[in-house]
Amino acid sequence: RKALPLNVGGAFHTPLMRDAAQALAPALAEVDLRAPIAPIVSNDDGQAHSDADGWRERSALHVAVPVRWREAQLTLAGLGATTFLEVGHGSMLAALAKRSVPEVTVVSMSTPQDVASLLESA
C-alpha cells in the first residue's frame, strides 16, 4: 500500500475524530428529528434508513468513520435513483459516482445559473 499526504482541513471521517463525535452526541440529543418521507442513505454504512432516532447516533459517529461512498451510490441506484446532483464547487463526487454507477446521470451544480439551467431542462 502507498500513503499520500492529503491537503485537508482536518482528520475528518477517521478515528482521530472520536472526541468530536462524543461531543456532538449530546447536542444531537436535543434536536427534534422526525421520520423522513423517503429513506436516507448513510455515508457511514451505505445503507438506506427510514428511522428518525437512529440518525442521532449515525450523525455523531459519522465524523469518525470512513465514508462508504461506493456502497451509498450503489444503494441509491438500487432504490431507483436515475440522476445524482452534486451541489457545490468541484466535480470530484460526480466523477466518483460516474465510476460507481455509470448508468446514473450525474449533474454538477456550482452556480445559481446551473440551478436555473437544470430547472429549465426539467
PDB file of N, CA and C in Angstrom:
ATOM      1  N   ARG A   1       0.831  -1.188   0.000  1.00  0.00           N
ATOM      2  CA  ARG A   1       0.000   0.000   0.000  1.00  0.00           C
ATOM      3  C   ARG A   1       0.866   1.238   0.000  1.00  0.00           C
ATOM      4  N   LYS A   2       0.284   2.319  -0.459  1.00  0.00           N
ATOM      5  CA  LYS A   2       1.007   3.578  -0.569  1.00  0.00           C
ATOM      6  C   LYS A   2       0.261   4.639   0.231  1.00  0.00           C
ATOM      7  N   ALA A   3       0.983   5.437   0.971  1.00  0.00           N
ATOM      8  CA  ALA A   3       0.381   6.524   1.748  1.00  0.00           C
ATOM      9  C   ALA A   3       0.739   7.853   1.099  1.00  0.00           C
ATOM     10  N   LEU A   4      -0.255   8.713   0.955  1.00  0.00           N
ATOM     11  CA  LEU A   4      -0.051  10.033   0.372  1.00  0.00           C
ATOM     12  C   LEU A   4      -0.600  11.087   1.315  1.00  0.00           C
ATOM     13  N   PRO A   5       0.101  12.193   1.489  1.00  0.00           N
ATOM     14  CA  PRO A   5      -0.465  13.278   2.299  1.00  0.00           C
ATOM     15  C   PRO A   5      -1.633  13.925   1.549  1.00  0.00           C
ATOM     16  N   LEU A   6      -2.678  14.250   2.278  1.00  0.00           N
ATOM     17  CA  LEU A   6      -3.845  14.897   1.693  1.00  0.00           C
ATOM     18  C   LEU A   6      -3.918  16.335   2.180  1.00  0.00           C
ATOM     19  N   ASN A   7      -4.271  17.226   1.292  1.00  0.00           N
ATOM     20  CA  ASN A   7      -4.420  18.626   1.646  1.00  0.00           C
ATOM     21  C   ASN A   7      -5.854  18.853   2.138  1.00  0.00           C
ATOM     22  N   VAL A   8      -6.085  18.536   3.413  1.00  0.00           N
ATOM     23  CA  VAL A   8      -7.414  18.658   4.006  1.00  0.00           C
ATOM     24  C   VAL A   8      -7.333  19.484   5.280  1.00  0.00           C
ATOM     25  N   GLY A   9      -8.478  19.971   5.713  1.00  0.00           N
ATOM     26  CA  GLY A   9      -8.522  20.817   6.895  1.00  0.00           C
ATOM     27  C   GLY A   9      -8.546  20.072   8.215  1.00  0.00           C
ATOM     28  N   GLY A  10      -8.709  18.771   8.190  1.00  0.00           N
ATOM     29  CA  GLY A  10      -8.760  18.007   9.431  1.00  0.00           C
ATOM     30  C   GLY A  10      -8.806  16.519   9.140  1.00  0.00           C
ATOM     31  N   ALA A  11      -8.753  15.745  10.192  1.00  0.00           N
ATOM     32  CA  ALA A  11      -8.762  14.283  10.062  1.00  0.00           C
ATOM     33  C   ALA A  11     -10.192  13.749  10.060  1.00  0.00           C
ATOM     34  N   PHE A  12     -11.054  14.398   9.286  1.00  0.00           N
ATOM     35  CA  PHE A  12     -12.468  14.030   9.256  1.00  0.00           C
ATOM     36  C   PHE A  12     -12.653  12.597   8.765  1.00  0.00           C
ATOM     37  N   HIS A  13     -13.671  11.938   9.304  1.00  0.00           N
ATOM     38  CA  HIS A  13     -14.031  10.562   8.937  1.00  0.00           C
ATOM     39  C   HIS A  13     -12.924   9.566   9.302  1.00  0.00           C
ATOM     40  N   THR A  14     -12.202   9.858  10.369  1.00  0.00           N
ATOM     41  CA  THR A  14     -11.180   8.939  10.870  1.00  0.00           C
ATOM     42  C   THR A  14     -11.368   8.783  12.378  1.00  0.00           C
ATOM     43  N   PRO A  15     -10.778   7.746  12.968  1.00  0.00           N
ATOM     44  CA  PRO A  15     -10.873   7.568  14.420  1.00  0.00           C
ATOM     45  C   PRO A  15     -10.300   8.748  15.218  1.00  0.00           C
ATOM     46  N   LEU A  16      -9.474   9.578  14.595  1.00  0.00           N
ATOM     47  CA  LEU A  16      -8.942  10.750  15.301  1.00  0.00           C
ATOM     48  C   LEU A  16     -10.033  11.749  15.669  1.00  0.00           C
ATOM     49  N   MET A  17     -11.217  11.581  15.113  1.00  0.00           N
ATOM     50  CA  MET A  17     -12.340  12.484  15.385  1.00  0.00           C
ATOM     51  C   MET A  17     -13.302  11.924  16.437  1.00  0.00           C
ATOM     52  N   ARG A  18     -12.930  10.849  17.134  1.00  0.00           N
ATOM     53  CA  ARG A  18     -13.829  10.243  18.138  1.00  0.00           C
ATOM     54  C   ARG A  18     -14.263  11.234  19.212  1.00  0.00           C
ATOM     55  N   ASP A  19     -13.338  12.063  19.697  1.00  0.00           N
ATOM     56  CA  ASP A  19     -13.707  13.047  20.713  1.00  0.00           C
ATOM     57  C   ASP A  19     -14.775  14.008  20.190  1.00  0.00           C
ATOM     58  N   ALA A  20     -14.646  14.417  18.940  1.00  0.00           N
ATOM     59  CA  ALA A  20     -15.645  15.302  18.342  1.00  0.00           C
ATOM     60  C   ALA A  20     -16.995  14.597  18.247  1.00  0.00           C
ATOM     61  N   ALA A  21     -16.982  13.334  17.876  1.00  0.00           N
ATOM     62  CA  ALA A  21     -18.224  12.559  17.782  1.00  0.00           C
ATOM     63  C   ALA A  21     -18.897  12.463  19.147  1.00  0.00           C
ATOM     64  N   GLN A  22     -18.114  12.218  20.180  1.00  0.00           N
ATOM     65  CA  GLN A  22     -18.672  12.122  21.532  1.00  0.00           C
ATOM     66  C   GLN A  22     -19.228  13.462  21.994  1.00  0.00           C
ATOM     67  N   ALA A  23     -18.571  14.564  21.615  1.00  0.00           N
ATOM     68  CA  ALA A  23     -19.051  15.899  21.988  1.00  0.00           C
ATOM     69  C   ALA A  23     -20.318  16.273  21.217  1.00  0.00           C
ATOM     70  N   LEU A  24     -20.461  15.761  20.018  1.00  0.00           N
ATOM     71  CA  LEU A  24     -21.623  16.059  19.192  1.00  0.00           C
ATOM     72  C   LEU A  24     -22.879  15.342  19.679  1.00  0.00           C
ATOM     73  N   ALA A  25     -22.724  14.189  20.266  1.00  0.00           N
ATOM     74  CA  ALA A  25     -23.869  13.367  20.680  1.00  0.00           C
ATOM     75  C   ALA A  25     -24.845  14.102  21.594  1.00  0.00           C
ATOM     76  N   PRO A  26     -24.399  14.802  22.644  1.00  0.00           N
ATOM     77  CA  PRO A  26     -25.373  15.497  23.500  1.00  0.00           C
ATOM     78  C   PRO A  26     -26.136  16.610  22.761  1.00  0.00           C
ATOM     79  N   ALA A  27     -25.469  17.288  21.844  1.00  0.00           N
ATOM     80  CA  ALA A  27     -26.163  18.334  21.076  1.00  0.00           C
ATOM     81  C   ALA A  27     -27.230  17.725  20.182  1.00  0.00           C
ATOM     82  N   LEU A  28     -26.931  16.584  19.589  1.00  0.00           N
ATOM     83  CA  LEU A  28     -27.912  15.925  18.726  1.00  0.00           C
ATOM     84  C   LEU A  28     -29.087  15.370  19.516  1.00  0.00           C
ATOM     85  N   ALA A  29     -28.866  15.059  20.779  1.00  0.00           N
ATOM     86  CA  ALA A  29     -29.955  14.556  21.627  1.00  0.00           C
ATOM     87  C   ALA A  29     -31.048  15.604  21.786  1.00  0.00           C
ATOM     88  N   GLU A  30     -30.704  16.873  21.623  1.00  0.00           N
ATOM     89  CA  GLU A  30     -31.659  17.968  21.783  1.00  0.00           C
ATOM     90  C   GLU A  30     -32.403  18.313  20.485  1.00  0.00           C
ATOM     91  N   VAL A  31     -31.973  17.756  19.373  1.00  0.00           N
ATOM     92  CA  VAL A  31     -32.559  18.088  18.075  1.00  0.00           C
ATOM     93  C   VAL A  31     -33.839  17.294  17.866  1.00  0.00           C
ATOM     94  N   ASP A  32     -34.897  17.983  17.410  1.00  0.00           N
ATOM     95  CA  ASP A  32     -36.162  17.325  17.116  1.00  0.00           C
ATOM     96  C   ASP A  32     -36.068  16.690  15.733  1.00  0.00           C
ATOM     97  N   LEU A  33     -36.037  15.373  15.687  1.00  0.00           N
ATOM     98  CA  LEU A  33     -35.971  14.656  14.422  1.00  0.00           C
ATOM     99  C   LEU A  33     -37.286  13.948  14.174  1.00  0.00           C
ATOM    100  N   ARG A  34     -37.673  13.920  12.914  1.00  0.00           N
ATOM    101  CA  ARG A  34     -38.886  13.211  12.511  1.00  0.00           C
ATOM    102  C   ARG A  34     -38.524  12.200  11.439  1.00  0.00           C
ATOM    103  N   ALA A  35     -39.324  11.179  11.314  1.00  0.00           N
ATOM    104  CA  ALA A  35     -39.070  10.158  10.307  1.00  0.00           C
ATOM    105  C   ALA A  35     -39.067  10.803   8.924  1.00  0.00           C
ATOM    106  N   PRO A  36     -38.093  10.470   8.087  1.00  0.00           N
ATOM    107  CA  PRO A  36     -38.049  11.057   6.741  1.00  0.00           C
ATOM    108  C   PRO A  36     -39.186  10.512   5.876  1.00  0.00           C
ATOM    109  N   ILE A  37     -39.547  11.282   4.855  1.00  0.00           N
ATOM    110  CA  ILE A  37     -40.608  10.824   3.947  1.00  0.00           C
ATOM    111  C   ILE A  37     -40.068   9.846   2.913  1.00  0.00           C
ATOM    112  N   ALA A  38     -38.753   9.782   2.804  1.00  0.00           N
ATOM    113  CA  ALA A  38     -38.084   8.817   1.930  1.00  0.00           C
ATOM    114  C   ALA A  38     -36.853   8.321   2.674  1.00  0.00           C
ATOM    115  N   PRO A  39     -36.411   7.112   2.377  1.00  0.00           N
ATOM    116  CA  PRO A  39     -35.199   6.626   3.050  1.00  0.00           C
ATOM    117  C   PRO A  39     -34.007   7.542   2.774  1.00  0.00           C
ATOM    118  N   ILE A  40     -33.141   7.673   3.763  1.00  0.00           N
ATOM    119  CA  ILE A  40     -31.918   8.460   3.620  1.00  0.00           C
ATOM    120  C   ILE A  40     -30.750   7.482   3.674  1.00  0.00           C
ATOM    121  N   VAL A  41     -29.857   7.605   2.704  1.00  0.00           N
ATOM    122  CA  VAL A  41     -28.710   6.706   2.632  1.00  0.00           C
ATOM    123  C   VAL A  41     -27.566   7.315   3.428  1.00  0.00           C
ATOM    124  N   SER A  42     -27.058   6.543   4.343  1.00  0.00           N
ATOM    125  CA  SER A  42     -25.981   6.981   5.225  1.00  0.00           C
ATOM    126  C   SER A  42     -24.625   6.713   4.590  1.00  0.00           C
ATOM    127  N   ASN A  43     -23.742   7.707   4.656  1.00  0.00           N
ATOM    128  CA  ASN A  43     -22.392   7.532   4.125  1.00  0.00           C
ATOM    129  C   ASN A  43     -21.552   6.582   4.953  1.00  0.00           C
ATOM    130  N   ASP A  44     -21.924   6.364   6.223  1.00  0.00           N
ATOM    131  CA  ASP A  44     -21.049   5.542   7.061  1.00  0.00           C
ATOM    132  C   ASP A  44     -21.255   4.045   6.864  1.00  0.00           C
ATOM    133  N   ASP A  45     -22.439   3.633   6.406  1.00  0.00           N
ATOM    134  CA  ASP A  45     -22.646   2.204   6.153  1.00  0.00           C
ATOM    135  C   ASP A  45     -23.190   1.925   4.755  1.00  0.00           C
ATOM    136  N   GLY A  46     -23.510   2.975   4.008  1.00  0.00           N
ATOM    137  CA  GLY A  46     -24.001   2.803   2.648  1.00  0.00           C
ATOM    138  C   GLY A  46     -25.401   2.243   2.551  1.00  0.00           C
ATOM    139  N   GLN A  47     -26.134   2.231   3.662  1.00  0.00           N
ATOM    140  CA  GLN A  47     -27.478   1.649   3.690  1.00  0.00           C
ATOM    141  C   GLN A  47     -28.541   2.738   3.812  1.00  0.00           C
ATOM    142  N   ALA A  48     -29.753   2.394   3.372  1.00  0.00           N
ATOM    143  CA  ALA A  48     -30.890   3.304   3.496  1.00  0.00           C
ATOM    144  C   ALA A  48     -31.535   3.113   4.864  1.00  0.00           C
ATOM    145  N   HIS A  49     -31.897   4.227   5.489  1.00  0.00           N
ATOM    146  CA  HIS A  49     -32.532   4.188   6.810  1.00  0.00           C
ATOM    147  C   HIS A  49     -33.778   5.069   6.795  1.00  0.00           C
ATOM    148  N   SER A  50     -34.828   4.595   7.449  1.00  0.00           N
ATOM    149  CA  SER A  50     -36.091   5.336   7.500  1.00  0.00           C
ATOM    150  C   SER A  50     -36.453   5.813   8.895  1.00  0.00           C
ATOM    151  N   ASP A  51     -35.618   5.503   9.881  1.00  0.00           N
ATOM    152  CA  ASP A  51     -35.926   5.889  11.250  1.00  0.00           C
ATOM    153  C   ASP A  51     -35.380   7.280  11.562  1.00  0.00           C
ATOM    154  N   ALA A  52     -36.018   7.972  12.478  1.00  0.00           N
ATOM    155  CA  ALA A  52     -35.546   9.296  12.881  1.00  0.00           C
ATOM    156  C   ALA A  52     -34.498   9.180  13.982  1.00  0.00           C
ATOM    157  N   ASP A  53     -34.799   8.427  15.006  1.00  0.00           N
ATOM    158  CA  ASP A  53     -33.906   8.384  16.169  1.00  0.00           C
ATOM    159  C   ASP A  53     -32.526   7.812  15.855  1.00  0.00           C
ATOM    160  N   GLY A  54     -32.436   6.857  14.953  1.00  0.00           N
ATOM    161  CA  GLY A  54     -31.143   6.296  14.598  1.00  0.00           C
ATOM    162  C   GLY A  54     -30.185   7.310  14.007  1.00  0.00           C
ATOM    163  N   TRP A  55     -30.738   8.404  13.463  1.00  0.00           N
ATOM    164  CA  TRP A  55     -29.881   9.429  12.868  1.00  0.00           C
ATOM    165  C   TRP A  55     -29.110  10.216  13.909  1.00  0.00           C
ATOM    166  N   ARG A  56     -29.582  10.245  15.132  1.00  0.00           N
ATOM    167  CA  ARG A  56     -28.797  10.914  16.179  1.00  0.00           C
ATOM    168  C   ARG A  56     -27.436  10.225  16.321  1.00  0.00           C
ATOM    169  N   GLU A  57     -27.465   8.912  16.481  1.00  0.00           N
ATOM    170  CA  GLU A  57     -26.220   8.160  16.650  1.00  0.00           C
ATOM    171  C   GLU A  57     -25.401   8.163  15.362  1.00  0.00           C
ATOM    172  N   ARG A  58     -26.062   7.923  14.219  1.00  0.00           N
ATOM    173  CA  ARG A  58     -25.342   7.896  12.941  1.00  0.00           C
ATOM    174  C   ARG A  58     -24.648   9.217  12.659  1.00  0.00           C
ATOM    175  N   SER A  59     -25.333  10.326  12.920  1.00  0.00           N
ATOM    176  CA  SER A  59     -24.760  11.648  12.628  1.00  0.00           C
ATOM    177  C   SER A  59     -23.547  11.931  13.488  1.00  0.00           C
ATOM    178  N   ALA A  60     -23.601  11.561  14.744  1.00  0.00           N
ATOM    179  CA  ALA A  60     -22.456  11.787  15.630  1.00  0.00           C
ATOM    180  C   ALA A  60     -21.287  10.900  15.216  1.00  0.00           C
ATOM    181  N   LEU A  61     -21.540   9.639  14.980  1.00  0.00           N
ATOM    182  CA  LEU A  61     -20.471   8.722  14.622  1.00  0.00           C
ATOM    183  C   LEU A  61     -19.867   9.016  13.258  1.00  0.00           C
ATOM    184  N   HIS A  62     -20.655   9.605  12.385  1.00  0.00           N
ATOM    185  CA  HIS A  62     -20.232   9.817  11.009  1.00  0.00           C
ATOM    186  C   HIS A  62     -18.915  10.586  10.905  1.00  0.00           C
ATOM    187  N   VAL A  63     -18.658  11.500  11.803  1.00  0.00           N
ATOM    188  CA  VAL A  63     -17.421  12.289  11.704  1.00  0.00           C
ATOM    189  C   VAL A  63     -16.183  11.456  11.987  1.00  0.00           C
ATOM    190  N   ALA A  64     -16.340  10.271  12.572  1.00  0.00           N
ATOM    191  CA  ALA A  64     -15.190   9.465  12.987  1.00  0.00           C
ATOM    192  C   ALA A  64     -15.076   8.125  12.261  1.00  0.00           C
ATOM    193  N   VAL A  65     -15.889   7.908  11.237  1.00  0.00           N
ATOM    194  CA  VAL A  65     -15.815   6.648  10.493  1.00  0.00           C
ATOM    195  C   VAL A  65     -15.610   6.948   9.006  1.00  0.00           C
ATOM    196  N   PRO A  66     -15.028   6.002   8.274  1.00  0.00           N
ATOM    197  CA  PRO A  66     -14.815   6.221   6.840  1.00  0.00           C
ATOM    198  C   PRO A  66     -16.138   6.370   6.085  1.00  0.00           C
ATOM    199  N   VAL A  67     -16.097   7.143   5.022  1.00  0.00           N
ATOM    200  CA  VAL A  67     -17.255   7.303   4.147  1.00  0.00           C
ATOM    201  C   VAL A  67     -17.298   6.113   3.194  1.00  0.00           C
ATOM    202  N   ARG A  68     -18.434   5.483   3.108  1.00  0.00           N
ATOM    203  CA  ARG A  68     -18.649   4.339   2.207  1.00  0.00           C
ATOM    204  C   ARG A  68     -19.324   4.848   0.935  1.00  0.00           C
ATOM    205  N   TRP A  69     -18.581   5.636   0.183  1.00  0.00           N
ATOM    206  CA  TRP A  69     -19.146   6.336  -0.969  1.00  0.00           C
ATOM    207  C   TRP A  69     -19.707   5.370  -2.016  1.00  0.00           C
ATOM    208  N   ARG A  70     -18.923   4.384  -2.416  1.00  0.00           N
ATOM    209  CA  ARG A  70     -19.371   3.458  -3.449  1.00  0.00           C
ATOM    210  C   ARG A  70     -20.628   2.718  -3.006  1.00  0.00           C
ATOM    211  N   GLU A  71     -20.626   2.232  -1.767  1.00  0.00           N
ATOM    212  CA  GLU A  71     -21.787   1.498  -1.262  1.00  0.00           C
ATOM    213  C   GLU A  71     -23.033   2.385  -1.245  1.00  0.00           C
ATOM    214  N   ALA A  72     -22.869   3.648  -0.857  1.00  0.00           N
ATOM    215  CA  ALA A  72     -24.009   4.579  -0.827  1.00  0.00           C
ATOM    216  C   ALA A  72     -24.557   4.813  -2.234  1.00  0.00           C
ATOM    217  N   GLN A  73     -23.669   4.970  -3.208  1.00  0.00           N
ATOM    218  CA  GLN A  73     -24.105   5.190  -4.588  1.00  0.00           C
ATOM    219  C   GLN A  73     -24.842   3.969  -5.129  1.00  0.00           C
ATOM    220  N   LEU A  74     -24.322   2.789  -4.845  1.00  0.00           N
ATOM    221  CA  LEU A  74     -24.992   1.563  -5.293  1.00  0.00           C
ATOM    222  C   LEU A  74     -26.362   1.417  -4.655  1.00  0.00           C
ATOM    223  N   THR A  75     -26.467   1.776  -3.374  1.00  0.00           N
ATOM    224  CA  THR A  75     -27.768   1.711  -2.691  1.00  0.00           C
ATOM    225  C   THR A  75     -28.757   2.681  -3.330  1.00  0.00           C
ATOM    226  N   LEU A  76     -28.317   3.915  -3.590  1.00  0.00           N
ATOM    227  CA  LEU A  76     -29.202   4.906  -4.211  1.00  0.00           C
ATOM    228  C   LEU A  76     -29.691   4.425  -5.573  1.00  0.00           C
ATOM    229  N   ALA A  77     -28.790   3.900  -6.378  1.00  0.00           N
ATOM    230  CA  ALA A  77     -29.184   3.379  -7.692  1.00  0.00           C
ATOM    231  C   ALA A  77     -30.143   2.202  -7.533  1.00  0.00           C
ATOM    232  N   GLY A  78     -29.873   1.348  -6.548  1.00  0.00           N
ATOM    233  CA  GLY A  78     -30.749   0.212  -6.288  1.00  0.00           C
ATOM    234  C   GLY A  78     -32.143   0.622  -5.846  1.00  0.00           C
ATOM    235  N   LEU A  79     -32.243   1.795  -5.210  1.00  0.00           N
ATOM    236  CA  LEU A  79     -33.545   2.319  -4.800  1.00  0.00           C
ATOM    237  C   LEU A  79     -34.287   3.005  -5.949  1.00  0.00           C
ATOM    238  N   GLY A  80     -33.625   3.090  -7.108  1.00  0.00           N
ATOM    239  CA  GLY A  80     -34.289   3.661  -8.278  1.00  0.00           C
ATOM    240  C   GLY A  80     -33.820   5.044  -8.684  1.00  0.00           C
ATOM    241  N   ALA A  81     -32.798   5.592  -8.040  1.00  0.00           N
ATOM    242  CA  ALA A  81     -32.296   6.909  -8.430  1.00  0.00           C
ATOM    243  C   ALA A  81     -31.732   6.848  -9.845  1.00  0.00           C
ATOM    244  N   THR A  82     -32.108   7.793 -10.684  1.00  0.00           N
ATOM    245  CA  THR A  82     -31.618   7.830 -12.060  1.00  0.00           C
ATOM    246  C   THR A  82     -30.736   9.045 -12.322  1.00  0.00           C
ATOM    247  N   THR A  83     -30.759  10.021 -11.415  1.00  0.00           N
ATOM    248  CA  THR A  83     -29.952  11.233 -11.555  1.00  0.00           C
ATOM    249  C   THR A  83     -29.406  11.625 -10.200  1.00  0.00           C
ATOM    250  N   PHE A  84     -28.119  11.937 -10.152  1.00  0.00           N
ATOM    251  CA  PHE A  84     -27.478  12.465  -8.942  1.00  0.00           C
ATOM    252  C   PHE A  84     -27.096  13.912  -9.215  1.00  0.00           C
ATOM    253  N   LEU A  85     -27.268  14.761  -8.215  1.00  0.00           N
ATOM    254  CA  LEU A  85     -26.850  16.159  -8.297  1.00  0.00           C
ATOM    255  C   LEU A  85     -25.709  16.388  -7.328  1.00  0.00           C
ATOM    256  N   GLU A  86     -24.589  16.917  -7.820  1.00  0.00           N
ATOM    257  CA  GLU A  86     -23.507  17.337  -6.940  1.00  0.00           C
ATOM    258  C   GLU A  86     -23.629  18.846  -6.796  1.00  0.00           C
ATOM    259  N   VAL A  87     -23.891  19.296  -5.584  1.00  0.00           N
ATOM    260  CA  VAL A  87     -24.092  20.717  -5.326  1.00  0.00           C
ATOM    261  C   VAL A  87     -22.846  21.270  -4.663  1.00  0.00           C
ATOM    262  N   GLY A  88     -22.293  22.314  -5.248  1.00  0.00           N
ATOM    263  CA  GLY A  88     -21.099  22.948  -4.709  1.00  0.00           C
ATOM    264  C   GLY A  88     -19.986  22.937  -5.739  1.00  0.00           C
ATOM    265  N   HIS A  89     -18.902  23.594  -5.398  1.00  0.00           N
ATOM    266  CA  HIS A  89     -17.780  23.700  -6.334  1.00  0.00           C
ATOM    267  C   HIS A  89     -17.037  22.370  -6.442  1.00  0.00           C
ATOM    268  N   GLY A  90     -16.529  22.110  -7.600  1.00  0.00           N
ATOM    269  CA  GLY A  90     -15.777  20.889  -7.829  1.00  0.00           C
ATOM    270  C   GLY A  90     -16.641  19.819  -8.452  1.00  0.00           C
ATOM    271  N   SER A  91     -15.986  18.772  -8.897  1.00  0.00           N
ATOM    272  CA  SER A  91     -16.713  17.680  -9.544  1.00  0.00           C
ATOM    273  C   SER A  91     -16.176  16.313  -9.117  1.00  0.00           C
ATOM    274  N   MET A  92     -15.440  16.274  -8.017  1.00  0.00           N
ATOM    275  CA  MET A  92     -14.855  15.015  -7.551  1.00  0.00           C
ATOM    276  C   MET A  92     -15.924  13.976  -7.236  1.00  0.00           C
ATOM    277  N   LEU A  93     -16.984  14.377  -6.538  1.00  0.00           N
ATOM    278  CA  LEU A  93     -18.026  13.420  -6.177  1.00  0.00           C
ATOM    279  C   LEU A  93     -18.774  12.932  -7.413  1.00  0.00           C
ATOM    280  N   ALA A  94     -19.002  13.839  -8.357  1.00  0.00           N
ATOM    281  CA  ALA A  94     -19.665  13.437  -9.601  1.00  0.00           C
ATOM    282  C   ALA A  94     -18.815  12.428 -10.354  1.00  0.00           C
ATOM    283  N   ALA A  95     -17.506  12.646 -10.406  1.00  0.00           N
ATOM    284  CA  ALA A  95     -16.616  11.715 -11.091  1.00  0.00           C
ATOM    285  C   ALA A  95     -16.638  10.343 -10.417  1.00  0.00           C
ATOM    286  N   LEU A  96     -16.640  10.329  -9.094  1.00  0.00           N
ATOM    287  CA  LEU A  96     -16.699   9.056  -8.373  1.00  0.00           C
ATOM    288  C   LEU A  96     -18.023   8.343  -8.631  1.00  0.00           C
ATOM    289  N   ALA A  97     -19.107   9.094  -8.661  1.00  0.00           N
ATOM    290  CA  ALA A  97     -20.417   8.488  -8.914  1.00  0.00           C
ATOM    291  C   ALA A  97     -20.476   7.902 -10.322  1.00  0.00           C
ATOM    292  N   LYS A  98     -19.899   8.596 -11.292  1.00  0.00           N
ATOM    293  CA  LYS A  98     -19.912   8.086 -12.669  1.00  0.00           C
ATOM    294  C   LYS A  98     -19.175   6.752 -12.778  1.00  0.00           C
ATOM    295  N   ARG A  99     -18.140   6.572 -11.949  1.00  0.00           N
ATOM    296  CA  ARG A  99     -17.409   5.298 -11.962  1.00  0.00           C
ATOM    297  C   ARG A  99     -18.176   4.208 -11.215  1.00  0.00           C
ATOM    298  N   SER A 100     -18.846   4.587 -10.127  1.00  0.00           N
ATOM    299  CA  SER A 100     -19.551   3.589  -9.308  1.00  0.00           C
ATOM    300  C   SER A 100     -20.837   3.117  -9.951  1.00  0.00           C
ATOM    301  N   VAL A 101     -21.585   4.039 -10.520  1.00  0.00           N
ATOM    302  CA  VAL A 101     -22.881   3.715 -11.121  1.00  0.00           C
ATOM    303  C   VAL A 101     -22.982   4.426 -12.479  1.00  0.00           C
ATOM    304  N   PRO A 102     -22.299   3.906 -13.497  1.00  0.00           N
ATOM    305  CA  PRO A 102     -22.241   4.592 -14.793  1.00  0.00           C
ATOM    306  C   PRO A 102     -23.596   4.774 -15.471  1.00  0.00           C
ATOM    307  N   GLU A 103     -24.578   3.990 -15.079  1.00  0.00           N
ATOM    308  CA  GLU A 103     -25.905   4.116 -15.692  1.00  0.00           C
ATOM    309  C   GLU A 103     -26.708   5.298 -15.158  1.00  0.00           C
ATOM    310  N   VAL A 104     -26.234   5.934 -14.094  1.00  0.00           N
ATOM    311  CA  VAL A 104     -26.930   7.066 -13.479  1.00  0.00           C
ATOM    312  C   VAL A 104     -26.376   8.370 -14.064  1.00  0.00           C
ATOM    313  N   THR A 105     -27.264   9.286 -14.419  1.00  0.00           N
ATOM    314  CA  THR A 105     -26.859  10.607 -14.890  1.00  0.00           C
ATOM    315  C   THR A 105     -26.361  11.418 -13.700  1.00  0.00           C
ATOM    316  N   VAL A 106     -25.226  12.096 -13.870  1.00  0.00           N
ATOM    317  CA  VAL A 106     -24.659  12.912 -12.801  1.00  0.00           C
ATOM    318  C   VAL A 106     -24.553  14.342 -13.290  1.00  0.00           C
ATOM    319  N   VAL A 107     -25.106  15.283 -12.510  1.00  0.00           N
ATOM    320  CA  VAL A 107     -25.096  16.693 -12.860  1.00  0.00           C
ATOM    321  C   VAL A 107     -24.402  17.470 -11.741  1.00  0.00           C
ATOM    322  N   SER A 108     -23.398  18.281 -12.115  1.00  0.00           N
ATOM    323  CA  SER A 108     -22.725  19.142 -11.136  1.00  0.00           C
ATOM    324  C   SER A 108     -23.345  20.528 -11.183  1.00  0.00           C
ATOM    325  N   MET A 109     -23.627  21.074 -10.012  1.00  0.00           N
ATOM    326  CA  MET A 109     -24.209  22.418  -9.915  1.00  0.00           C
ATOM    327  C   MET A 109     -23.391  23.228  -8.921  1.00  0.00           C
ATOM    328  N   SER A 110     -22.810  24.341  -9.403  1.00  0.00           N
ATOM    329  CA  SER A 110     -21.999  25.151  -8.504  1.00  0.00           C
ATOM    330  C   SER A 110     -22.363  26.624  -8.529  1.00  0.00           C
ATOM    331  N   THR A 111     -23.264  27.015  -9.425  1.00  0.00           N
ATOM    332  CA  THR A 111     -23.661  28.426  -9.512  1.00  0.00           C
ATOM    333  C   THR A 111     -25.181  28.518  -9.588  1.00  0.00           C
ATOM    334  N   PRO A 112     -25.723  29.684  -9.285  1.00  0.00           N
ATOM    335  CA  PRO A 112     -27.179  29.860  -9.455  1.00  0.00           C
ATOM    336  C   PRO A 112     -27.629  29.597 -10.889  1.00  0.00           C
ATOM    337  N   GLN A 113     -26.793  29.921 -11.868  1.00  0.00           N
ATOM    338  CA  GLN A 113     -27.147  29.658 -13.265  1.00  0.00           C
ATOM    339  C   GLN A 113     -27.290  28.162 -13.533  1.00  0.00           C
ATOM    340  N   ASP A 114     -26.456  27.357 -12.883  1.00  0.00           N
ATOM    341  CA  ASP A 114     -26.570  25.904 -13.022  1.00  0.00           C
ATOM    342  C   ASP A 114     -27.939  25.430 -12.557  1.00  0.00           C
ATOM    343  N   VAL A 115     -28.421  25.995 -11.466  1.00  0.00           N
ATOM    344  CA  VAL A 115     -29.743  25.633 -10.937  1.00  0.00           C
ATOM    345  C   VAL A 115     -30.815  26.050 -11.932  1.00  0.00           C
ATOM    346  N   ALA A 116     -30.705  27.286 -12.460  1.00  0.00           N
ATOM    347  CA  ALA A 116     -31.690  27.774 -13.438  1.00  0.00           C
ATOM    348  C   ALA A 116     -31.696  26.884 -14.676  1.00  0.00           C
ATOM    349  N   SER A 117     -30.535  26.491 -15.152  1.00  0.00           N
ATOM    350  CA  SER A 117     -30.461  25.616 -16.340  1.00  0.00           C
ATOM    351  C   SER A 117     -31.108  24.266 -16.054  1.00  0.00           C
ATOM    352  N   LEU A 118     -30.877  23.726 -14.874  1.00  0.00           N
ATOM    353  CA  LEU A 118     -31.479  22.452 -14.515  1.00  0.00           C
ATOM    354  C   LEU A 118     -32.995  22.566 -14.487  1.00  0.00           C
ATOM    355  N   LEU A 119     -33.512  23.645 -13.902  1.00  0.00           N
ATOM    356  CA  LEU A 119     -34.962  23.829 -13.825  1.00  0.00           C
ATOM    357  C   LEU A 119     -35.565  24.005 -15.214  1.00  0.00           C
ATOM    358  N   GLU A 120     -34.864  24.690 -16.098  1.00  0.00           N
ATOM    359  CA  GLU A 120     -35.356  24.882 -17.462  1.00  0.00           C
ATOM    360  C   GLU A 120     -35.438  23.567 -18.220  1.00  0.00           C
ATOM    361  N   SER A 121     -34.480  22.685 -17.983  1.00  0.00           N
ATOM    362  CA  SER A 121     -34.459  21.414 -18.709  1.00  0.00           C
ATOM    363  C   SER A 121     -35.424  20.391 -18.126  1.00  0.00           C
ATOM    364  N   ALA A 122     -35.904  20.623 -16.921  1.00  0.00           N
ATOM    365  CA  ALA A 122     -36.782  19.654 -16.261  1.00  0.00           C
ATOM    366  C   ALA A 122     -38.207  19.708 -16.765  1.00  0.00           C
TER     367      ALA A 122
END
